């Protein structure tokens, strides 16, 4: 379910501060493209996440932000 996955991404980013797209996809058993779509959805919803492109592409959560 997508809502569960979005919450899982937020929790993982809070714990790890930054994770690669590949690591998130592997951990959540989805494609990297799905992680990209989910990060976009979180950002659109106003959740303070950032996505980076390149060889070390991944996501991070703004420091000192309480999400839950």
PDB file of N, CA and C in Angstrom:
ATOM      1  N   UNK A   1       0.836  -1.178   0.000  1.00  0.00           N
ATOM      2  CA  UNK A   1       0.000   0.000   0.000  1.00  0.00           C
ATOM      3  C   UNK A   1       0.883   1.245   0.000  1.00  0.00           C
ATOM      4  N   UNK A   2       0.520   2.213  -0.792  1.00  0.00           N
ATOM      5  CA  UNK A   2       1.369   3.392  -0.958  1.00  0.00           C
ATOM      6  C   UNK A   2       1.506   4.206   0.329  1.00  0.00           C
ATOM      7  N   UNK A   3       0.446   4.377   1.066  1.00  0.00           N
ATOM      8  CA  UNK A   3       0.523   5.167   2.303  1.00  0.00           C
ATOM      9  C   UNK A   3       1.530   4.556   3.272  1.00  0.00           C
ATOM     10  N   UNK A   4       1.527   3.245   3.372  1.00  0.00           N
ATOM     11  CA  UNK A   4       2.494   2.560   4.236  1.00  0.00           C
ATOM     12  C   UNK A   4       3.920   2.821   3.764  1.00  0.00           C
ATOM     13  N   UNK A   5       4.119   2.780   2.463  1.00  0.00           N
ATOM     14  CA  UNK A   5       5.451   2.990   1.903  1.00  0.00           C
ATOM     15  C   UNK A   5       5.929   4.426   2.120  1.00  0.00           C
ATOM     16  N   UNK A   6       5.032   5.390   1.939  1.00  0.00           N
ATOM     17  CA  UNK A   6       5.400   6.797   2.158  1.00  0.00           C
ATOM     18  C   UNK A   6       5.811   7.021   3.612  1.00  0.00           C
ATOM     19  N   UNK A   7       5.062   6.455   4.526  1.00  0.00           N
ATOM     20  CA  UNK A   7       5.410   6.567   5.941  1.00  0.00           C
ATOM     21  C   UNK A   7       6.733   5.876   6.230  1.00  0.00           C
ATOM     22  N   UNK A   8       6.951   4.727   5.615  1.00  0.00           N
ATOM     23  CA  UNK A   8       8.217   4.007   5.797  1.00  0.00           C
ATOM     24  C   UNK A   8       9.396   4.825   5.290  1.00  0.00           C
ATOM     25  N   UNK A   9       9.230   5.487   4.155  1.00  0.00           N
ATOM     26  CA  UNK A   9      10.303   6.339   3.628  1.00  0.00           C
ATOM     27  C   UNK A   9      10.622   7.446   4.627  1.00  0.00           C
ATOM     28  N   UNK A  10       9.599   8.095   5.150  1.00  0.00           N
ATOM     29  CA  UNK A  10       9.814   9.160   6.127  1.00  0.00           C
ATOM     30  C   UNK A  10      10.552   8.660   7.360  1.00  0.00           C
ATOM     31  N   UNK A  11      10.138   7.521   7.869  1.00  0.00           N
ATOM     32  CA  UNK A  11      10.781   6.971   9.060  1.00  0.00           C
ATOM     33  C   UNK A  11      12.228   6.581   8.787  1.00  0.00           C
ATOM     34  N   UNK A  12      12.483   5.967   7.641  1.00  0.00           N
ATOM     35  CA  UNK A  12      13.849   5.585   7.290  1.00  0.00           C
ATOM     36  C   UNK A  12      14.739   6.816   7.149  1.00  0.00           C
ATOM     37  N   UNK A  13      14.221   7.863   6.525  1.00  0.00           N
ATOM     38  CA  UNK A  13      15.018   9.078   6.349  1.00  0.00           C
ATOM     39  C   UNK A  13      15.260   9.789   7.679  1.00  0.00           C
ATOM     40  N   UNK A  14      14.303   9.712   8.588  1.00  0.00           N
ATOM     41  CA  UNK A  14      14.520  10.311   9.898  1.00  0.00           C
ATOM     42  C   UNK A  14      15.621   9.591  10.658  1.00  0.00           C
ATOM     43  N   UNK A  15      15.619   8.276  10.573  1.00  0.00           N
ATOM     44  CA  UNK A  15      16.614   7.481  11.287  1.00  0.00           C
ATOM     45  C   UNK A  15      17.993   7.608  10.657  1.00  0.00           C
ATOM     46  N   UNK A  16      18.059   7.506   9.334  1.00  0.00           N
ATOM     47  CA  UNK A  16      19.349   7.474   8.633  1.00  0.00           C
ATOM     48  C   UNK A  16      19.795   8.825   8.091  1.00  0.00           C
ATOM     49  N   UNK A  17      18.962   9.834   8.180  1.00  0.00           N
ATOM     50  CA  UNK A  17      19.227  11.179   7.658  1.00  0.00           C
ATOM     51  C   UNK A  17      19.307  11.223   6.135  1.00  0.00           C
ATOM     52  N   UNK A  18      20.021  10.299   5.533  1.00  0.00           N
ATOM     53  CA  UNK A  18      20.145  10.269   4.073  1.00  0.00           C
ATOM     54  C   UNK A  18      20.314   8.822   3.632  1.00  0.00           C
ATOM     55  N   UNK A  19      19.581   8.451   2.580  1.00  0.00           N
ATOM     56  CA  UNK A  19      19.702   7.112   2.011  1.00  0.00           C
ATOM     57  C   UNK A  19      19.664   7.235   0.498  1.00  0.00           C
ATOM     58  N   UNK A  20      20.350   6.351  -0.190  1.00  0.00           N
ATOM     59  CA  UNK A  20      20.304   6.353  -1.649  1.00  0.00           C
ATOM     60  C   UNK A  20      18.968   5.783  -2.113  1.00  0.00           C
ATOM     61  N   UNK A  21      18.611   6.146  -3.318  1.00  0.00           N
ATOM     62  CA  UNK A  21      17.391   5.613  -3.916  1.00  0.00           C
ATOM     63  C   UNK A  21      17.461   4.098  -3.978  1.00  0.00           C
ATOM     64  N   UNK A  22      18.620   3.595  -4.343  1.00  0.00           N
ATOM     65  CA  UNK A  22      18.806   2.151  -4.440  1.00  0.00           C
ATOM     66  C   UNK A  22      18.564   1.468  -3.091  1.00  0.00           C
ATOM     67  N   UNK A  23      19.106   2.051  -2.022  1.00  0.00           N
ATOM     68  CA  UNK A  23      18.916   1.468  -0.685  1.00  0.00           C
ATOM     69  C   UNK A  23      17.454   1.509  -0.249  1.00  0.00           C
ATOM     70  N   UNK A  24      16.787   2.629  -0.514  1.00  0.00           N
ATOM     71  CA  UNK A  24      15.366   2.722  -0.171  1.00  0.00           C
ATOM     72  C   UNK A  24      14.554   1.696  -0.953  1.00  0.00           C
ATOM     73  N   UNK A  25      14.830   1.591  -2.259  1.00  0.00           N
ATOM     74  CA  UNK A  25      14.099   0.645  -3.098  1.00  0.00           C
ATOM     75  C   UNK A  25      14.315  -0.792  -2.639  1.00  0.00           C
ATOM     76  N   UNK A  26      15.545  -1.106  -2.314  1.00  0.00           N
ATOM     77  CA  UNK A  26      15.851  -2.466  -1.855  1.00  0.00           C
ATOM     78  C   UNK A  26      15.167  -2.759  -0.524  1.00  0.00           C
ATOM     79  N   UNK A  27      15.232  -1.798   0.387  1.00  0.00           N
ATOM     80  CA  UNK A  27      14.637  -1.974   1.712  1.00  0.00           C
ATOM     81  C   UNK A  27      13.119  -2.141   1.631  1.00  0.00           C
ATOM     82  N   UNK A  28      12.482  -1.390   0.717  1.00  0.00           N
ATOM     83  CA  UNK A  28      11.023  -1.418   0.609  1.00  0.00           C
ATOM     84  C   UNK A  28      10.513  -2.355  -0.475  1.00  0.00           C
ATOM     85  N   UNK A  29      11.446  -3.018  -1.173  1.00  0.00           N
ATOM     86  CA  UNK A  29      11.116  -4.005  -2.204  1.00  0.00           C
ATOM     87  C   UNK A  29      10.264  -3.420  -3.330  1.00  0.00           C
ATOM     88  N   UNK A  30      10.703  -2.259  -3.828  1.00  0.00           N
ATOM     89  CA  UNK A  30      10.054  -1.612  -4.971  1.00  0.00           C
ATOM     90  C   UNK A  30      11.146  -1.148  -5.921  1.00  0.00           C
ATOM     91  N   UNK A  31      10.740  -0.605  -7.066  1.00  0.00           N
ATOM     92  CA  UNK A  31      11.727  -0.113  -8.026  1.00  0.00           C
ATOM     93  C   UNK A  31      12.250   1.265  -7.602  1.00  0.00           C
ATOM     94  N   UNK A  32      13.388   1.632  -8.155  1.00  0.00           N
ATOM     95  CA  UNK A  32      13.935   2.961  -7.893  1.00  0.00           C
ATOM     96  C   UNK A  32      13.002   4.036  -8.430  1.00  0.00           C
ATOM     97  N   UNK A  33      12.358   3.763  -9.544  1.00  0.00           N
ATOM     98  CA  UNK A  33      11.401   4.723 -10.113  1.00  0.00           C
ATOM     99  C   UNK A  33      10.244   4.980  -9.138  1.00  0.00           C
ATOM    100  N   UNK A  34       9.795   3.938  -8.456  1.00  0.00           N
ATOM    101  CA  UNK A  34       8.724   4.087  -7.470  1.00  0.00           C
ATOM    102  C   UNK A  34       9.172   5.001  -6.334  1.00  0.00           C
ATOM    103  N   UNK A  35      10.421   4.862  -5.915  1.00  0.00           N
ATOM    104  CA  UNK A  35      10.949   5.735  -4.858  1.00  0.00           C
ATOM    105  C   UNK A  35      10.962   7.178  -5.339  1.00  0.00           C
ATOM    106  N   UNK A  36      11.356   7.410  -6.586  1.00  0.00           N
ATOM    107  CA  UNK A  36      11.350   8.762  -7.142  1.00  0.00           C
ATOM    108  C   UNK A  36       9.943   9.357  -7.131  1.00  0.00           C
ATOM    109  N   UNK A  37       8.956   8.557  -7.538  1.00  0.00           N
ATOM    110  CA  UNK A  37       7.564   9.036  -7.536  1.00  0.00           C
ATOM    111  C   UNK A  37       7.097   9.323  -6.113  1.00  0.00           C
ATOM    112  N   UNK A  38       7.466   8.460  -5.180  1.00  0.00           N
ATOM    113  CA  UNK A  38       7.052   8.654  -3.792  1.00  0.00           C
ATOM    114  C   UNK A  38       7.694   9.897  -3.180  1.00  0.00           C
ATOM    115  N   UNK A  39       8.962  10.142  -3.494  1.00  0.00           N
ATOM    116  CA  UNK A  39       9.631  11.336  -2.980  1.00  0.00           C
ATOM    117  C   UNK A  39       8.968  12.588  -3.549  1.00  0.00           C
ATOM    118  N   UNK A  40       8.576  12.534  -4.801  1.00  0.00           N
ATOM    119  CA  UNK A  40       7.877  13.664  -5.415  1.00  0.00           C
ATOM    120  C   UNK A  40       6.528  13.889  -4.724  1.00  0.00           C
ATOM    121  N   UNK A  41       5.816  12.811  -4.428  1.00  0.00           N
ATOM    122  CA  UNK A  41       4.528  12.926  -3.746  1.00  0.00           C
ATOM    123  C   UNK A  41       4.693  13.534  -2.356  1.00  0.00           C
ATOM    124  N   UNK A  42       5.730  13.115  -1.632  1.00  0.00           N
ATOM    125  CA  UNK A  42       5.983  13.679  -0.305  1.00  0.00           C
ATOM    126  C   UNK A  42       6.296  15.164  -0.391  1.00  0.00           C
ATOM    127  N   UNK A  43       7.112  15.525  -1.341  1.00  0.00           N
ATOM    128  CA  UNK A  43       7.477  16.920  -1.532  1.00  0.00           C
ATOM    129  C   UNK A  43       6.263  17.768  -1.904  1.00  0.00           C
ATOM    130  N   UNK A  44       5.435  17.258  -2.796  1.00  0.00           N
ATOM    131  CA  UNK A  44       4.227  17.958  -3.218  1.00  0.00           C
ATOM    132  C   UNK A  44       3.268  18.161  -2.043  1.00  0.00           C
ATOM    133  N   UNK A  45       3.258  17.210  -1.128  1.00  0.00           N
ATOM    134  CA  UNK A  45       2.388  17.296   0.047  1.00  0.00           C
ATOM    135  C   UNK A  45       2.940  18.239   1.110  1.00  0.00           C
ATOM    136  N   UNK A  46       4.109  18.810   0.841  1.00  0.00           N
ATOM    137  CA  UNK A  46       4.685  19.763   1.784  1.00  0.00           C
ATOM    138  C   UNK A  46       5.600  19.157   2.827  1.00  0.00           C
ATOM    139  N   UNK A  47       5.930  17.888   2.664  1.00  0.00           N
ATOM    140  CA  UNK A  47       6.853  17.224   3.587  1.00  0.00           C
ATOM    141  C   UNK A  47       8.271  17.666   3.217  1.00  0.00           C
ATOM    142  N   UNK A  48       9.061  18.080   4.195  1.00  0.00           N
ATOM    143  CA  UNK A  48      10.407  18.607   3.898  1.00  0.00           C
ATOM    144  C   UNK A  48      11.425  17.507   3.569  1.00  0.00           C
ATOM    145  N   UNK A  49      11.344  16.989   2.363  1.00  0.00           N
ATOM    146  CA  UNK A  49      12.313  15.998   1.891  1.00  0.00           C
ATOM    147  C   UNK A  49      13.036  16.572   0.686  1.00  0.00           C
ATOM    148  N   UNK A  50      14.221  16.088   0.445  1.00  0.00           N
ATOM    149  CA  UNK A  50      15.003  16.534  -0.700  1.00  0.00           C
ATOM    150  C   UNK A  50      15.511  15.317  -1.448  1.00  0.00           C
ATOM    151  N   UNK A  51      15.469  15.387  -2.757  1.00  0.00           N
ATOM    152  CA  UNK A  51      15.991  14.312  -3.592  1.00  0.00           C
ATOM    153  C   UNK A  51      17.187  14.838  -4.354  1.00  0.00           C
ATOM    154  N   UNK A  52      18.200  13.994  -4.464  1.00  0.00           N
ATOM    155  CA  UNK A  52      19.406  14.367  -5.191  1.00  0.00           C
ATOM    156  C   UNK A  52      19.587  13.434  -6.372  1.00  0.00           C
ATOM    157  N   UNK A  53      20.133  13.963  -7.441  1.00  0.00           N
ATOM    158  CA  UNK A  53      20.398  13.158  -8.634  1.00  0.00           C
ATOM    159  C   UNK A  53      21.891  12.901  -8.761  1.00  0.00           C
ATOM    160  N   UNK A  54      22.236  11.954  -9.599  1.00  0.00           N
ATOM    161  CA  UNK A  54      23.637  11.652  -9.845  1.00  0.00           C
ATOM    162  C   UNK A  54      23.999  10.259  -9.394  1.00  0.00           C
ATOM    163  N   UNK A  55      25.283   9.982  -9.330  1.00  0.00           N
ATOM    164  CA  UNK A  55      25.739   8.628  -8.993  1.00  0.00           C
ATOM    165  C   UNK A  55      25.434   8.250  -7.555  1.00  0.00           C
ATOM    166  N   UNK A  56      25.282   9.238  -6.693  1.00  0.00           N
ATOM    167  CA  UNK A  56      24.932   8.949  -5.301  1.00  0.00           C
ATOM    168  C   UNK A  56      23.524   9.437  -5.000  1.00  0.00           C
ATOM    169  N   UNK A  57      22.644   9.329  -5.988  1.00  0.00           N
ATOM    170  CA  UNK A  57      21.279   9.825  -5.855  1.00  0.00           C
ATOM    171  C   UNK A  57      20.592   9.224  -4.646  1.00  0.00           C
ATOM    172  N   UNK A  58      19.774  10.034  -4.035  1.00  0.00           N
ATOM    173  CA  UNK A  58      19.040   9.552  -2.883  1.00  0.00           C
ATOM    174  C   UNK A  58      18.147  10.634  -2.313  1.00  0.00           C
ATOM    175  N   UNK A  59      17.721  10.394  -1.110  1.00  0.00           N
ATOM    176  CA  UNK A  59      16.835  11.348  -0.473  1.00  0.00           C
ATOM    177  C   UNK A  59      17.300  11.653   0.921  1.00  0.00           C
ATOM    178  N   UNK A  60      16.841  12.774   1.428  1.00  0.00           N
ATOM    179  CA  UNK A  60      17.156  13.138   2.793  1.00  0.00           C
ATOM    180  C   UNK A  60      15.994  13.925   3.367  1.00  0.00           C
ATOM    181  N   UNK A  61      15.982  13.977   4.663  1.00  0.00           N
ATOM    182  CA  UNK A  61      14.955  14.706   5.380  1.00  0.00           C
ATOM    183  C   UNK A  61      15.625  15.922   6.010  1.00  0.00           C
ATOM    184  N   UNK A  62      14.969  17.071   5.978  1.00  0.00           N
ATOM    185  CA  UNK A  62      15.589  18.262   6.558  1.00  0.00           C
ATOM    186  C   UNK A  62      15.906  18.021   8.008  1.00  0.00           C
ATOM    187  N   UNK A  63      17.071  18.432   8.425  1.00  0.00           N
ATOM    188  CA  UNK A  63      17.495  18.242   9.815  1.00  0.00           C
ATOM    189  C   UNK A  63      16.603  19.029  10.753  1.00  0.00           C
ATOM    190  N   UNK A  64      16.470  18.509  11.954  1.00  0.00           N
ATOM    191  CA  UNK A  64      15.710  19.147  13.029  1.00  0.00           C
ATOM    192  C   UNK A  64      14.232  19.340  12.677  1.00  0.00           C
ATOM    193  N   UNK A  65      13.701  18.457  11.839  1.00  0.00           N
ATOM    194  CA  UNK A  65      12.281  18.540  11.481  1.00  0.00           C
ATOM    195  C   UNK A  65      11.558  17.353  12.074  1.00  0.00           C
ATOM    196  N   UNK A  66      10.570  17.625  12.881  1.00  0.00           N
ATOM    197  CA  UNK A  66       9.736  16.555  13.451  1.00  0.00           C
ATOM    198  C   UNK A  66       8.614  16.267  12.465  1.00  0.00           C
ATOM    199  N   UNK A  67       8.596  15.061  11.944  1.00  0.00           N
ATOM    200  CA  UNK A  67       7.583  14.702  10.966  1.00  0.00           C
ATOM    201  C   UNK A  67       6.394  13.984  11.592  1.00  0.00           C
ATOM    202  N   UNK A  68       6.644  13.365  12.710  1.00  0.00           N
ATOM    203  CA  UNK A  68       5.567  12.567  13.329  1.00  0.00           C
ATOM    204  C   UNK A  68       5.446  12.958  14.779  1.00  0.00           C
TER     205      UNK A  68
END
